[in-house]
Amino acid sequence: MPDKALPLVISAPEPRTLELIFTPPQLARLRKHYRIVETTPEGVAALPAETLAEARFIIGQPPISAETLEKLKALRCIFNVETNLLNNMPYETLFARGIHVVTTGLVFAEPVAELGLAMALNLARDIVDADLAFRQGKELWGGDGNQTARLLSGADVGIIGFGDLGRALNRLLAGFRTRTKVFDPWLPPSILIDNGVEPASLDEVLSQSDFVFVVASVTSENQGFLGADAFARMRKGAAFILLSRAGVVDFPALIQAVKSGHIVAASDVFPEEPLAKDHPVRTLPGFLRSAHRAGALDVAFKRMGDMVLEDMDLIDRGLPPLRSKRAERETVSRMRSKPVDRN
C-alpha cells in the first residue's frame, strides 16, 4: 500500500516517546500500517490543515481547541499515554462526534501496587532504617529491633479509591488475609463487595485501619481533602501510604502528623517534583520516600504499545477500543491530577 494511502497518526506523547512506548517490533508494525506525523503537544494545532483533516488517531494528550477539533475531520481516537486525563479539550464535542478518548494507565497498576505493598511491609517492619543502622554498626538484634513492628497479615486495611490501582493492590493483599475496607464515592457498593472488600465511609477507613492506602485520583471535588482532621482520626501508629497524587493530601498536615509521632507514612508522590533539597520531608523520621518511580518501569511503558496497537486495530475494523480505558463523559472534565513532566 502506498504511504499516502495509509491512515495518518499524529504522535505527540511528550514526555513519552514512541521509542519508550513501543518495542522495536511494535514500532515497526506501527510504521508499516500508519503514516506518523511527529510533533509536540503545542505543535498539533499548528499542523497543516490537510494533515489535521486526515488524522485518524492521536497518540498523546495535546491541548485541542474547538477550532482545532473542527479541522480533525477523520479523528477516531485520542490515546492518552500519560494516564492523567487533563481538562484541555472539548470533551462534549468529542463524545458527540463519537471520538474515543482513552488512557493506558492500567499498565501502571501492578508496578505501583507492588511498590505500595513493599512500602507497607517496610513501615510494618522498619526494614530500611534497620538496614541503615546495620551499616553504621548500630543495629538492634532480635526483639530489641522489633519494638514497633507489626504484621500486615490479618491487619485492618483501608483503601481510598478503587480504580485499576486499588484493585491491583487488593489482589496483592489477598495473600495477607487482610480485612479490607474501601472508600470510593464513585462506585456502587456491589462492585466493592464483588471484589471481596467492605464498602465503608471515609471516617471508617481512616479510624479503623492499621494501614491506609491512598490511590484516588485528584478531582475537582477532592483536592486536599485528606488533612489534619483526617490524620487525627487515624489509629495511633497507623501507616499512611500515598501512591496516586499528592494533590489529594494537605502535605504540611501530613508532615505534622508524622512529626508528632501519631502516624508513620510513605509516599511516591510529592506536591512539587523534583522536591526542593531543603524540603522538611527529606529528613523526617517515620516517613519513607520514593521519587515518583513506582510505575516507571520499562515493561509498563512497553505494555502501552501493545494496548495502543490492539485498540487501533479494533477501531480500524469498526469495533470499540477494549484494551485501553475509555474516558467517561460524566467524570472526564472533573479530573485534576497533574501531568508528569518526566518518565
C-alpha atoms as a PDB file:
ATOM      1  CA  MET A   1       0.000   0.000   0.000  1.00  0.00           C
ATOM      2  CA  PRO A   2       1.490   3.407  -0.956  1.00  0.00           C
ATOM      3  CA  ASP A   3       2.368   5.585   2.035  1.00  0.00           C
ATOM      4  CA  LYS A   4      -0.239   8.178   1.073  1.00  0.00           C
ATOM      5  CA  ALA A   5      -2.971   5.557   1.362  1.00  0.00           C
ATOM      6  CA  LEU A   6      -2.053   4.629   4.939  1.00  0.00           C
ATOM      7  CA  PRO A   7      -4.117   6.085   7.809  1.00  0.00           C
ATOM      8  CA  LEU A   8      -2.420   9.034   9.478  1.00  0.00           C
ATOM      9  CA  VAL A   9      -1.413   9.164  13.150  1.00  0.00           C
ATOM     10  CA  ILE A  10      -0.346  12.343  14.940  1.00  0.00           C
ATOM     11  CA  SER A  11       2.248  11.491  17.576  1.00  0.00           C
ATOM     12  CA  ALA A  12       2.681  13.978  20.441  1.00  0.00           C
ATOM     13  CA  PRO A  13       3.186  11.807  23.552  1.00  0.00           C
ATOM     14  CA  GLU A  14       5.544  14.134  25.463  1.00  0.00           C
ATOM     15  CA  PRO A  15       7.136  13.377  27.895  1.00  0.00           C
ATOM     16  CA  ARG A  16       6.874   9.877  26.463  1.00  0.00           C
ATOM     17  CA  THR A  17       8.458   8.973  23.119  1.00  0.00           C
ATOM     18  CA  LEU A  18       7.445   6.367  20.576  1.00  0.00           C
ATOM     19  CA  GLU A  19      10.683   4.512  21.359  1.00  0.00           C
ATOM     20  CA  LEU A  20       9.716   4.398  25.045  1.00  0.00           C
ATOM     21  CA  ILE A  21       6.169   3.192  24.426  1.00  0.00           C
ATOM     22  CA  PHE A  22       6.827   0.663  21.657  1.00  0.00           C
ATOM     23  CA  THR A  23       9.313  -2.171  21.359  1.00  0.00           C
ATOM     24  CA  PRO A  24      11.261  -2.126  18.065  1.00  0.00           C
ATOM     25  CA  PRO A  25       8.935  -4.767  16.523  1.00  0.00           C
ATOM     26  CA  GLN A  26       5.864  -2.873  17.729  1.00  0.00           C
ATOM     27  CA  LEU A  27       7.191   0.404  16.331  1.00  0.00           C
ATOM     28  CA  ALA A  28       7.958  -1.281  13.017  1.00  0.00           C
ATOM     29  CA  ARG A  29       4.382  -2.561  12.929  1.00  0.00           C
ATOM     30  CA  LEU A  30       3.031   0.903  13.704  1.00  0.00           C
ATOM     31  CA  ARG A  31       5.083   2.475  10.895  1.00  0.00           C
ATOM     32  CA  LYS A  32       4.098  -0.299   8.486  1.00  0.00           C
ATOM     33  CA  HIS A  33       0.363   0.295   8.918  1.00  0.00           C
ATOM     34  CA  TYR A  34       0.237   4.059   9.539  1.00  0.00           C
ATOM     35  CA  ARG A  35       1.815   7.299   8.450  1.00  0.00           C
ATOM     36  CA  ILE A  36       3.262   9.001  11.515  1.00  0.00           C
ATOM     37  CA  VAL A  37       3.481  12.762  11.912  1.00  0.00           C
ATOM     38  CA  GLU A  38       5.547  13.570  14.993  1.00  0.00           C
ATOM     39  CA  THR A  39       5.216  16.902  16.767  1.00  0.00           C
ATOM     40  CA  THR A  40       4.979  18.445  20.233  1.00  0.00           C
ATOM     41  CA  PRO A  41       1.690  18.778  22.121  1.00  0.00           C
ATOM     42  CA  GLU A  42       1.710  22.513  21.454  1.00  0.00           C
ATOM     43  CA  GLY A  43       2.574  21.891  17.793  1.00  0.00           C
ATOM     44  CA  VAL A  44      -0.550  19.904  16.976  1.00  0.00           C
ATOM     45  CA  ALA A  45      -2.720  22.984  16.399  1.00  0.00           C
ATOM     46  CA  ALA A  46      -0.088  24.409  14.015  1.00  0.00           C
ATOM     47  CA  LEU A  47      -0.025  21.377  11.731  1.00  0.00           C
ATOM     48  CA  PRO A  48      -1.199  21.959   8.147  1.00  0.00           C
ATOM     49  CA  ALA A  49      -4.968  21.796   7.702  1.00  0.00           C
ATOM     50  CA  GLU A  50      -4.668  18.823   5.337  1.00  0.00           C
ATOM     51  CA  THR A  51      -2.672  16.875   7.955  1.00  0.00           C
ATOM     52  CA  LEU A  52      -5.249  17.558  10.651  1.00  0.00           C
ATOM     53  CA  ALA A  53      -8.061  16.605   8.286  1.00  0.00           C
ATOM     54  CA  GLU A  54      -6.509  13.186   7.604  1.00  0.00           C
ATOM     55  CA  ALA A  55      -5.522  12.243  11.157  1.00  0.00           C
ATOM     56  CA  ARG A  56      -7.300   9.099  12.338  1.00  0.00           C
ATOM     57  CA  PHE A  57      -5.535   8.771  15.702  1.00  0.00           C
ATOM     58  CA  ILE A  58      -3.609  10.988  18.119  1.00  0.00           C
ATOM     59  CA  ILE A  59      -1.044   9.464  20.487  1.00  0.00           C
ATOM     60  CA  GLY A  60      -0.682  11.812  23.444  1.00  0.00           C
ATOM     61  CA  GLN A  61      -2.918  14.308  25.173  1.00  0.00           C
ATOM     62  CA  PRO A  62      -2.199  17.632  23.475  1.00  0.00           C
ATOM     63  CA  PRO A  63      -4.384  20.666  24.128  1.00  0.00           C
ATOM     64  CA  ILE A  64      -7.102  20.706  21.481  1.00  0.00           C
ATOM     65  CA  SER A  65      -9.287  23.750  20.983  1.00  0.00           C
ATOM     66  CA  ALA A  66     -12.745  23.637  19.451  1.00  0.00           C
ATOM     67  CA  GLU A  67     -11.260  25.259  16.343  1.00  0.00           C
ATOM     68  CA  THR A  68      -8.568  22.588  16.013  1.00  0.00           C
ATOM     69  CA  LEU A  69     -11.061  19.813  16.653  1.00  0.00           C
ATOM     70  CA  GLU A  70     -13.203  21.128  13.826  1.00  0.00           C
ATOM     71  CA  LYS A  71     -10.264  20.503  11.475  1.00  0.00           C
ATOM     72  CA  LEU A  72      -9.778  16.931  12.722  1.00  0.00           C
ATOM     73  CA  LYS A  73     -12.406  15.554  10.350  1.00  0.00           C
ATOM     74  CA  ALA A  74     -11.263  11.911  10.389  1.00  0.00           C
ATOM     75  CA  LEU A  75     -10.280  11.621  14.066  1.00  0.00           C
ATOM     76  CA  ARG A  76     -11.420   8.376  15.702  1.00  0.00           C
ATOM     77  CA  CYS A  77      -9.482   8.136  18.970  1.00  0.00           C
ATOM     78  CA  ILE A  78      -7.057  10.019  21.227  1.00  0.00           C
ATOM     79  CA  PHE A  79      -4.674   7.664  23.030  1.00  0.00           C
ATOM     80  CA  ASN A  80      -3.604   9.336  26.264  1.00  0.00           C
ATOM     81  CA  VAL A  81      -0.325   7.614  27.168  1.00  0.00           C
ATOM     82  CA  GLU A  82       0.362   9.932  30.097  1.00  0.00           C
ATOM     83  CA  THR A  83      -2.550   8.468  32.107  1.00  0.00           C
ATOM     84  CA  ASN A  84      -3.893  11.614  33.809  1.00  0.00           C
ATOM     85  CA  LEU A  85      -6.849  12.981  31.883  1.00  0.00           C
ATOM     86  CA  LEU A  86      -6.484  16.731  31.508  1.00  0.00           C
ATOM     87  CA  ASN A  87      -9.334  19.169  31.031  1.00  0.00           C
ATOM     88  CA  ASN A  88      -7.648  20.530  27.911  1.00  0.00           C
ATOM     89  CA  MET A  89     -10.034  19.626  25.101  1.00  0.00           C
ATOM     90  CA  PRO A  90     -13.777  19.959  24.344  1.00  0.00           C
ATOM     91  CA  TYR A  91     -14.848  16.542  25.609  1.00  0.00           C
ATOM     92  CA  GLU A  92     -18.555  17.127  25.000  1.00  0.00           C
ATOM     93  CA  THR A  93     -17.866  17.689  21.310  1.00  0.00           C
ATOM     94  CA  LEU A  94     -15.563  14.677  21.167  1.00  0.00           C
ATOM     95  CA  PHE A  95     -18.226  12.452  22.682  1.00  0.00           C
ATOM     96  CA  ALA A  96     -20.940  13.928  20.455  1.00  0.00           C
ATOM     97  CA  ARG A  97     -18.843  13.064  17.404  1.00  0.00           C
ATOM     98  CA  GLY A  98     -18.191   9.537  18.661  1.00  0.00           C
ATOM     99  CA  ILE A  99     -14.456  10.155  19.100  1.00  0.00           C
ATOM    100  CA  HIS A 100     -12.925   7.974  21.812  1.00  0.00           C
ATOM    101  CA  VAL A 101     -10.563   9.364  24.447  1.00  0.00           C
ATOM    102  CA  VAL A 102      -8.732   6.510  26.145  1.00  0.00           C
ATOM    103  CA  THR A 103      -5.955   6.110  28.663  1.00  0.00           C
ATOM    104  CA  THR A 104      -3.348   3.370  29.003  1.00  0.00           C
ATOM    105  CA  GLY A 105      -2.996   3.945  32.747  1.00  0.00           C
ATOM    106  CA  LEU A 106      -3.794   0.310  33.514  1.00  0.00           C
ATOM    107  CA  VAL A 107      -0.156  -0.546  32.730  1.00  0.00           C
ATOM    108  CA  PHE A 108       0.951   1.210  35.920  1.00  0.00           C
ATOM    109  CA  ALA A 109      -1.470  -0.518  38.280  1.00  0.00           C
ATOM    110  CA  GLU A 110       0.582  -3.623  39.075  1.00  0.00           C
ATOM    111  CA  PRO A 111       4.011  -1.968  39.449  1.00  0.00           C
ATOM    112  CA  VAL A 112       2.608   0.815  41.647  1.00  0.00           C
ATOM    113  CA  ALA A 113       0.658  -1.691  43.737  1.00  0.00           C
ATOM    114  CA  GLU A 114       3.788  -3.785  44.247  1.00  0.00           C
ATOM    115  CA  LEU A 115       5.788  -0.800  45.466  1.00  0.00           C
ATOM    116  CA  GLY A 116       2.890   0.184  47.722  1.00  0.00           C
ATOM    117  CA  LEU A 117       2.924  -3.278  49.258  1.00  0.00           C
ATOM    118  CA  ALA A 118       6.684  -3.009  49.770  1.00  0.00           C
ATOM    119  CA  MET A 119       6.203   0.354  51.485  1.00  0.00           C
ATOM    120  CA  ALA A 120       3.590  -1.102  53.816  1.00  0.00           C
ATOM    121  CA  LEU A 121       5.863  -4.007  54.744  1.00  0.00           C
ATOM    122  CA  ASN A 122       8.732  -1.609  55.357  1.00  0.00           C
ATOM    123  CA  LEU A 123       6.637   0.596  57.623  1.00  0.00           C
ATOM    124  CA  ALA A 124       5.466  -2.509  59.478  1.00  0.00           C
ATOM    125  CA  ARG A 125       8.968  -3.932  59.972  1.00  0.00           C
ATOM    126  CA  ASP A 126      11.260  -0.886  59.700  1.00  0.00           C
ATOM    127  CA  ILE A 127      13.355  -2.588  57.022  1.00  0.00           C
ATOM    128  CA  VAL A 128      15.146   0.432  55.554  1.00  0.00           C
ATOM    129  CA  ASP A 129      16.108   2.051  58.860  1.00  0.00           C
ATOM    130  CA  ALA A 130      17.210  -1.303  60.286  1.00  0.00           C
ATOM    131  CA  ASP A 131      19.484  -1.822  57.296  1.00  0.00           C
ATOM    132  CA  LEU A 132      20.953   1.679  57.644  1.00  0.00           C
ATOM    133  CA  ALA A 133      21.567   1.066  61.360  1.00  0.00           C
ATOM    134  CA  PHE A 134      23.330  -2.192  60.490  1.00  0.00           C
ATOM    135  CA  ARG A 135      25.626  -0.402  58.048  1.00  0.00           C
ATOM    136  CA  GLN A 136      26.508   2.074  60.780  1.00  0.00           C
ATOM    137  CA  GLY A 137      27.159  -0.643  63.386  1.00  0.00           C
ATOM    138  CA  LYS A 138      24.118   0.453  65.414  1.00  0.00           C
ATOM    139  CA  GLU A 139      21.821  -2.499  64.693  1.00  0.00           C
ATOM    140  CA  LEU A 140      19.439  -3.880  67.305  1.00  0.00           C
ATOM    141  CA  TRP A 141      19.258  -7.659  67.451  1.00  0.00           C
ATOM    142  CA  GLY A 142      16.191  -9.868  67.829  1.00  0.00           C
ATOM    143  CA  GLY A 143      13.267  -8.461  69.737  1.00  0.00           C
ATOM    144  CA  ASP A 144      15.162  -5.264  70.515  1.00  0.00           C
ATOM    145  CA  GLY A 145      14.852  -4.401  66.835  1.00  0.00           C
ATOM    146  CA  ASN A 146      11.117  -5.030  66.752  1.00  0.00           C
ATOM    147  CA  GLN A 147       9.835  -2.531  69.289  1.00  0.00           C
ATOM    148  CA  THR A 148       7.306  -1.032  66.843  1.00  0.00           C
ATOM    149  CA  ALA A 149       6.977  -3.989  64.453  1.00  0.00           C
ATOM    150  CA  ARG A 150       3.599  -5.353  63.410  1.00  0.00           C
ATOM    151  CA  LEU A 151       2.157  -7.838  60.923  1.00  0.00           C
ATOM    152  CA  LEU A 152       0.475  -6.939  57.684  1.00  0.00           C
ATOM    153  CA  SER A 153      -1.062 -10.414  57.682  1.00  0.00           C
ATOM    154  CA  GLY A 154      -4.553 -10.251  59.145  1.00  0.00           C
ATOM    155  CA  ALA A 155      -4.369  -6.480  59.592  1.00  0.00           C
ATOM    156  CA  ASP A 156      -7.154  -3.963  59.147  1.00  0.00           C
ATOM    157  CA  VAL A 157      -6.510  -2.235  55.816  1.00  0.00           C
ATOM    158  CA  GLY A 158      -8.225   0.769  54.284  1.00  0.00           C
ATOM    159  CA  ILE A 159      -8.064   1.754  50.614  1.00  0.00           C
ATOM    160  CA  ILE A 160      -9.156   5.204  49.434  1.00  0.00           C
ATOM    161  CA  GLY A 161     -10.086   4.940  45.763  1.00  0.00           C
ATOM    162  CA  PHE A 162     -10.768   1.678  43.946  1.00  0.00           C
ATOM    163  CA  GLY A 163      -9.870   2.107  40.296  1.00  0.00           C
ATOM    164  CA  ASP A 164      -7.320  -0.019  38.454  1.00  0.00           C
ATOM    165  CA  LEU A 165      -4.637   0.649  41.069  1.00  0.00           C
ATOM    166  CA  GLY A 166      -6.894  -0.054  44.030  1.00  0.00           C
ATOM    167  CA  ARG A 167      -7.991  -3.364  42.516  1.00  0.00           C
ATOM    168  CA  ALA A 168      -4.420  -4.395  41.734  1.00  0.00           C
ATOM    169  CA  LEU A 169      -3.436  -3.595  45.309  1.00  0.00           C
ATOM    170  CA  ASN A 170      -6.373  -5.580  46.659  1.00  0.00           C
ATOM    171  CA  ARG A 171      -5.286  -8.643  44.667  1.00  0.00           C
ATOM    172  CA  LEU A 172      -1.833  -8.472  46.254  1.00  0.00           C
ATOM    173  CA  LEU A 173      -3.270  -8.020  49.741  1.00  0.00           C
ATOM    174  CA  ALA A 174      -5.438 -11.126  49.365  1.00  0.00           C
ATOM    175  CA  GLY A 175      -2.447 -13.297  50.235  1.00  0.00           C
ATOM    176  CA  PHE A 176      -2.101 -11.459  53.543  1.00  0.00           C
ATOM    177  CA  ARG A 177      -5.711 -12.214  54.572  1.00  0.00           C
ATOM    178  CA  THR A 178      -6.320  -8.562  55.402  1.00  0.00           C
ATOM    179  CA  ARG A 179      -9.688  -7.217  56.489  1.00  0.00           C
ATOM    180  CA  THR A 180     -10.078  -4.537  53.841  1.00  0.00           C
ATOM    181  CA  LYS A 181     -12.434  -1.577  53.829  1.00  0.00           C
ATOM    182  CA  VAL A 182     -12.743   0.697  50.795  1.00  0.00           C
ATOM    183  CA  PHE A 183     -13.993   4.248  50.359  1.00  0.00           C
ATOM    184  CA  ASP A 184     -14.802   5.267  46.794  1.00  0.00           C
ATOM    185  CA  PRO A 185     -17.785   7.601  46.300  1.00  0.00           C
ATOM    186  CA  TRP A 186     -17.790   6.969  42.532  1.00  0.00           C
ATOM    187  CA  LEU A 187     -18.525   3.244  42.868  1.00  0.00           C
ATOM    188  CA  PRO A 188     -21.674   1.404  43.986  1.00  0.00           C
ATOM    189  CA  PRO A 189     -21.285  -0.947  46.991  1.00  0.00           C
ATOM    190  CA  SER A 190     -21.967  -4.039  44.867  1.00  0.00           C
ATOM    191  CA  ILE A 191     -18.762  -3.559  42.858  1.00  0.00           C
ATOM    192  CA  LEU A 192     -16.721  -3.364  46.052  1.00  0.00           C
ATOM    193  CA  ILE A 193     -18.437  -6.419  47.516  1.00  0.00           C
ATOM    194  CA  ASP A 194     -17.831  -8.371  44.292  1.00  0.00           C
ATOM    195  CA  ASN A 195     -14.121  -7.611  44.732  1.00  0.00           C
ATOM    196  CA  GLY A 196     -14.127  -9.034  48.242  1.00  0.00           C
ATOM    197  CA  VAL A 197     -13.814  -5.747  50.124  1.00  0.00           C
ATOM    198  CA  GLU A 198     -16.154  -3.978  52.523  1.00  0.00           C
ATOM    199  CA  PRO A 199     -17.717  -0.681  51.398  1.00  0.00           C
ATOM    200  CA  ALA A 200     -17.030   1.946  54.051  1.00  0.00           C
ATOM    201  CA  SER A 201     -17.187   5.653  54.769  1.00  0.00           C
ATOM    202  CA  LEU A 202     -14.054   7.742  54.744  1.00  0.00           C
ATOM    203  CA  ASP A 203     -14.230   8.004  58.528  1.00  0.00           C
ATOM    204  CA  GLU A 204     -14.427   4.213  58.886  1.00  0.00           C
ATOM    205  CA  VAL A 205     -11.448   3.695  56.590  1.00  0.00           C
ATOM    206  CA  LEU A 206      -9.355   6.231  58.489  1.00  0.00           C
ATOM    207  CA  SER A 207     -10.326   5.323  62.034  1.00  0.00           C
ATOM    208  CA  GLN A 208     -10.469   1.532  61.710  1.00  0.00           C
ATOM    209  CA  SER A 209      -7.344   0.730  59.696  1.00  0.00           C
ATOM    210  CA  ASP A 210      -3.777  -0.200  60.602  1.00  0.00           C
ATOM    211  CA  PHE A 211      -2.693   0.617  57.041  1.00  0.00           C
ATOM    212  CA  VAL A 212      -4.350   3.239  54.812  1.00  0.00           C
ATOM    213  CA  PHE A 213      -3.500   3.212  51.106  1.00  0.00           C
ATOM    214  CA  VAL A 214      -4.414   6.313  49.079  1.00  0.00           C
ATOM    215  CA  VAL A 215      -4.857   5.517  45.389  1.00  0.00           C
ATOM    216  CA  ALA A 216      -7.514   8.099  44.472  1.00  0.00           C
ATOM    217  CA  SER A 217      -7.088  10.423  41.510  1.00  0.00           C
ATOM    218  CA  VAL A 218      -7.304  14.162  42.085  1.00  0.00           C
ATOM    219  CA  THR A 219     -10.679  15.553  41.052  1.00  0.00           C
ATOM    220  CA  SER A 220     -12.419  18.909  41.225  1.00  0.00           C
ATOM    221  CA  GLU A 221     -14.097  17.719  44.456  1.00  0.00           C
ATOM    222  CA  ASN A 222     -11.277  16.124  46.449  1.00  0.00           C
ATOM    223  CA  GLN A 223      -8.210  18.356  46.226  1.00  0.00           C
ATOM    224  CA  GLY A 224      -6.507  18.395  49.618  1.00  0.00           C
ATOM    225  CA  PHE A 225      -9.379  16.501  51.273  1.00  0.00           C
ATOM    226  CA  LEU A 226      -7.021  14.459  53.460  1.00  0.00           C
ATOM    227  CA  GLY A 227      -5.857  16.985  56.026  1.00  0.00           C
ATOM    228  CA  ALA A 228      -5.209  17.401  59.739  1.00  0.00           C
ATOM    229  CA  ASP A 229      -8.677  16.168  60.737  1.00  0.00           C
ATOM    230  CA  ALA A 230      -8.258  13.039  58.637  1.00  0.00           C
ATOM    231  CA  PHE A 231      -4.858  12.203  60.129  1.00  0.00           C
ATOM    232  CA  ALA A 232      -6.128  12.835  63.669  1.00  0.00           C
ATOM    233  CA  ARG A 233      -8.850  10.228  63.081  1.00  0.00           C
ATOM    234  CA  MET A 234      -6.303   7.536  62.239  1.00  0.00           C
ATOM    235  CA  ARG A 235      -5.191   4.981  64.810  1.00  0.00           C
ATOM    236  CA  LYS A 236      -2.021   5.949  66.651  1.00  0.00           C
ATOM    237  CA  GLY A 237       0.907   4.295  64.915  1.00  0.00           C
ATOM    238  CA  ALA A 238      -1.086   3.512  61.767  1.00  0.00           C
ATOM    239  CA  ALA A 239       0.640   3.647  58.379  1.00  0.00           C
ATOM    240  CA  PHE A 240      -0.444   6.054  55.627  1.00  0.00           C
ATOM    241  CA  ILE A 241       0.769   5.122  52.121  1.00  0.00           C
ATOM    242  CA  LEU A 242       0.257   7.653  49.314  1.00  0.00           C
ATOM    243  CA  LEU A 243       0.536   6.221  45.795  1.00  0.00           C
ATOM    244  CA  SER A 244      -1.665   8.273  43.453  1.00  0.00           C
ATOM    245  CA  ARG A 245      -1.143  12.050  43.515  1.00  0.00           C
ATOM    246  CA  ALA A 246      -0.091  14.468  46.241  1.00  0.00           C
ATOM    247  CA  GLY A 247      -2.955  16.798  45.315  1.00  0.00           C
ATOM    248  CA  VAL A 248      -5.428  14.789  47.421  1.00  0.00           C
ATOM    249  CA  VAL A 249      -3.396  15.465  50.577  1.00  0.00           C
ATOM    250  CA  ASP A 250      -2.690  18.546  52.682  1.00  0.00           C
ATOM    251  CA  PHE A 251       1.025  17.806  52.700  1.00  0.00           C
ATOM    252  CA  PRO A 252       2.055  20.124  55.565  1.00  0.00           C
ATOM    253  CA  ALA A 253      -0.639  18.464  57.701  1.00  0.00           C
ATOM    254  CA  LEU A 254       0.705  15.029  56.744  1.00  0.00           C
ATOM    255  CA  ILE A 255       4.217  16.082  57.722  1.00  0.00           C
ATOM    256  CA  GLN A 256       2.965  17.369  61.064  1.00  0.00           C
ATOM    257  CA  ALA A 257       1.045  14.147  61.757  1.00  0.00           C
ATOM    258  CA  VAL A 258       4.207  12.108  61.180  1.00  0.00           C
ATOM    259  CA  LYS A 259       6.423  14.552  63.058  1.00  0.00           C
ATOM    260  CA  SER A 260       4.132  14.326  66.098  1.00  0.00           C
ATOM    261  CA  GLY A 261       4.530  10.552  66.137  1.00  0.00           C
ATOM    262  CA  HIS A 262       0.816   9.931  65.640  1.00  0.00           C
ATOM    263  CA  ILE A 263       1.280   8.032  62.348  1.00  0.00           C
ATOM    264  CA  VAL A 264       4.018   6.827  60.037  1.00  0.00           C
ATOM    265  CA  ALA A 265       3.833   7.443  56.309  1.00  0.00           C
ATOM    266  CA  ALA A 266       5.254   6.632  52.897  1.00  0.00           C
ATOM    267  CA  SER A 267       4.829   8.451  49.607  1.00  0.00           C
ATOM    268  CA  ASP A 268       5.855   8.010  45.990  1.00  0.00           C
ATOM    269  CA  VAL A 269       4.444  11.431  45.028  1.00  0.00           C
ATOM    270  CA  PHE A 270       5.008  14.971  46.257  1.00  0.00           C
ATOM    271  CA  PRO A 271       3.499  18.449  45.795  1.00  0.00           C
ATOM    272  CA  GLU A 272       6.489  19.602  43.764  1.00  0.00           C
ATOM    273  CA  GLU A 273       8.641  17.236  41.761  1.00  0.00           C
ATOM    274  CA  PRO A 274      11.572  17.181  41.997  1.00  0.00           C
ATOM    275  CA  LEU A 275      11.367  18.127  45.660  1.00  0.00           C
ATOM    276  CA  ALA A 276      13.389  21.073  46.964  1.00  0.00           C
ATOM    277  CA  LYS A 277      16.679  19.985  48.541  1.00  0.00           C
ATOM    278  CA  ASP A 278      15.726  21.624  51.831  1.00  0.00           C
ATOM    279  CA  HIS A 279      12.150  20.318  51.950  1.00  0.00           C
ATOM    280  CA  PRO A 280      11.402  19.127  55.509  1.00  0.00           C
ATOM    281  CA  VAL A 281      10.055  15.758  54.379  1.00  0.00           C
ATOM    282  CA  ARG A 282      13.538  14.741  53.196  1.00  0.00           C
ATOM    283  CA  THR A 283      14.827  14.244  56.745  1.00  0.00           C
ATOM    284  CA  LEU A 284      11.573  13.431  58.536  1.00  0.00           C
ATOM    285  CA  PRO A 285      11.808  10.280  60.718  1.00  0.00           C
ATOM    286  CA  GLY A 286       8.914   7.910  60.224  1.00  0.00           C
ATOM    287  CA  PHE A 287       8.448   8.931  56.585  1.00  0.00           C
ATOM    288  CA  LEU A 288       9.504   6.606  53.764  1.00  0.00           C
ATOM    289  CA  ARG A 289      10.251   8.414  50.492  1.00  0.00           C
ATOM    290  CA  SER A 290      10.226   7.288  46.837  1.00  0.00           C
ATOM    291  CA  ALA A 291      10.905   9.622  43.912  1.00  0.00           C
ATOM    292  CA  HIS A 292       7.743   9.030  41.825  1.00  0.00           C
ATOM    293  CA  ARG A 293       9.258   5.823  40.490  1.00  0.00           C
ATOM    294  CA  ALA A 294       6.579   3.286  41.407  1.00  0.00           C
ATOM    295  CA  GLY A 295       5.200   2.858  37.895  1.00  0.00           C
ATOM    296  CA  ALA A 296       8.159   3.942  35.796  1.00  0.00           C
ATOM    297  CA  LEU A 297       9.261   0.505  34.629  1.00  0.00           C
ATOM    298  CA  ASP A 298      10.203  -0.189  31.034  1.00  0.00           C
ATOM    299  CA  VAL A 299       7.935  -3.231  30.992  1.00  0.00           C
ATOM    300  CA  ALA A 300       4.992  -0.984  31.885  1.00  0.00           C
ATOM    301  CA  PHE A 301       5.799   1.551  29.177  1.00  0.00           C
ATOM    302  CA  LYS A 302       6.082  -1.188  26.558  1.00  0.00           C
ATOM    303  CA  ARG A 303       2.673  -2.588  27.539  1.00  0.00           C
ATOM    304  CA  MET A 304       1.289   0.758  26.387  1.00  0.00           C
ATOM    305  CA  GLY A 305       2.415  -0.052  22.865  1.00  0.00           C
ATOM    306  CA  ASP A 306       0.521  -3.336  22.919  1.00  0.00           C
ATOM    307  CA  MET A 307      -2.637  -1.614  24.123  1.00  0.00           C
ATOM    308  CA  VAL A 308      -2.439   1.149  21.525  1.00  0.00           C
ATOM    309  CA  LEU A 309      -1.812  -1.204  18.606  1.00  0.00           C
ATOM    310  CA  GLU A 310      -4.583  -3.612  19.563  1.00  0.00           C
ATOM    311  CA  ASP A 311      -7.116  -0.835  20.072  1.00  0.00           C
ATOM    312  CA  MET A 312      -6.131   0.844  16.798  1.00  0.00           C
ATOM    313  CA  ASP A 313      -6.786  -2.453  15.047  1.00  0.00           C
ATOM    314  CA  LEU A 314     -10.204  -2.802  16.714  1.00  0.00           C
ATOM    315  CA  ILE A 315     -11.214   0.735  15.766  1.00  0.00           C
ATOM    316  CA  ASP A 316      -9.988   0.244  12.191  1.00  0.00           C
ATOM    317  CA  ARG A 317     -12.384  -2.741  11.996  1.00  0.00           C
ATOM    318  CA  GLY A 318     -15.328  -0.712  13.240  1.00  0.00           C
ATOM    319  CA  LEU A 319     -15.153  -2.009  16.823  1.00  0.00           C
ATOM    320  CA  PRO A 320     -14.735  -0.090  20.103  1.00  0.00           C
ATOM    321  CA  PRO A 321     -11.369   0.041  21.913  1.00  0.00           C
ATOM    322  CA  LEU A 322     -11.191  -2.625  24.608  1.00  0.00           C
ATOM    323  CA  ARG A 323      -7.614  -2.661  25.946  1.00  0.00           C
ATOM    324  CA  SER A 324      -7.419   0.993  26.973  1.00  0.00           C
ATOM    325  CA  LYS A 325      -9.764   2.610  29.487  1.00  0.00           C
ATOM    326  CA  ARG A 326     -12.287   4.968  27.939  1.00  0.00           C
ATOM    327  CA  ALA A 327     -12.889   8.404  29.433  1.00  0.00           C
ATOM    328  CA  GLU A 328     -16.414   8.881  30.726  1.00  0.00           C
ATOM    329  CA  ARG A 329     -18.414  11.957  29.762  1.00  0.00           C
ATOM    330  CA  GLU A 330     -19.673  12.386  33.357  1.00  0.00           C
ATOM    331  CA  THR A 331     -16.238  12.439  35.010  1.00  0.00           C
ATOM    332  CA  VAL A 332     -13.531  13.328  32.490  1.00  0.00           C
ATOM    333  CA  SER A 333     -13.740  17.105  32.942  1.00  0.00           C
ATOM    334  CA  ARG A 334     -13.546  16.713  36.734  1.00  0.00           C
ATOM    335  CA  MET A 335     -10.048  15.199  36.718  1.00  0.00           C
ATOM    336  CA  ARG A 336      -7.348  17.428  38.219  1.00  0.00           C
ATOM    337  CA  SER A 337      -4.229  15.267  38.562  1.00  0.00           C
ATOM    338  CA  LYS A 338      -1.024  16.979  37.446  1.00  0.00           C
ATOM    339  CA  PRO A 339       0.625  15.510  34.362  1.00  0.00           C
ATOM    340  CA  VAL A 340       4.132  14.176  34.762  1.00  0.00           C
ATOM    341  CA  ASP A 341       6.994  16.049  33.117  1.00  0.00           C
ATOM    342  CA  ARG A 342       9.455  13.174  33.167  1.00  0.00           C
ATOM    343  CA  ASN A 343       9.243   9.403  32.640  1.00  0.00           C
END
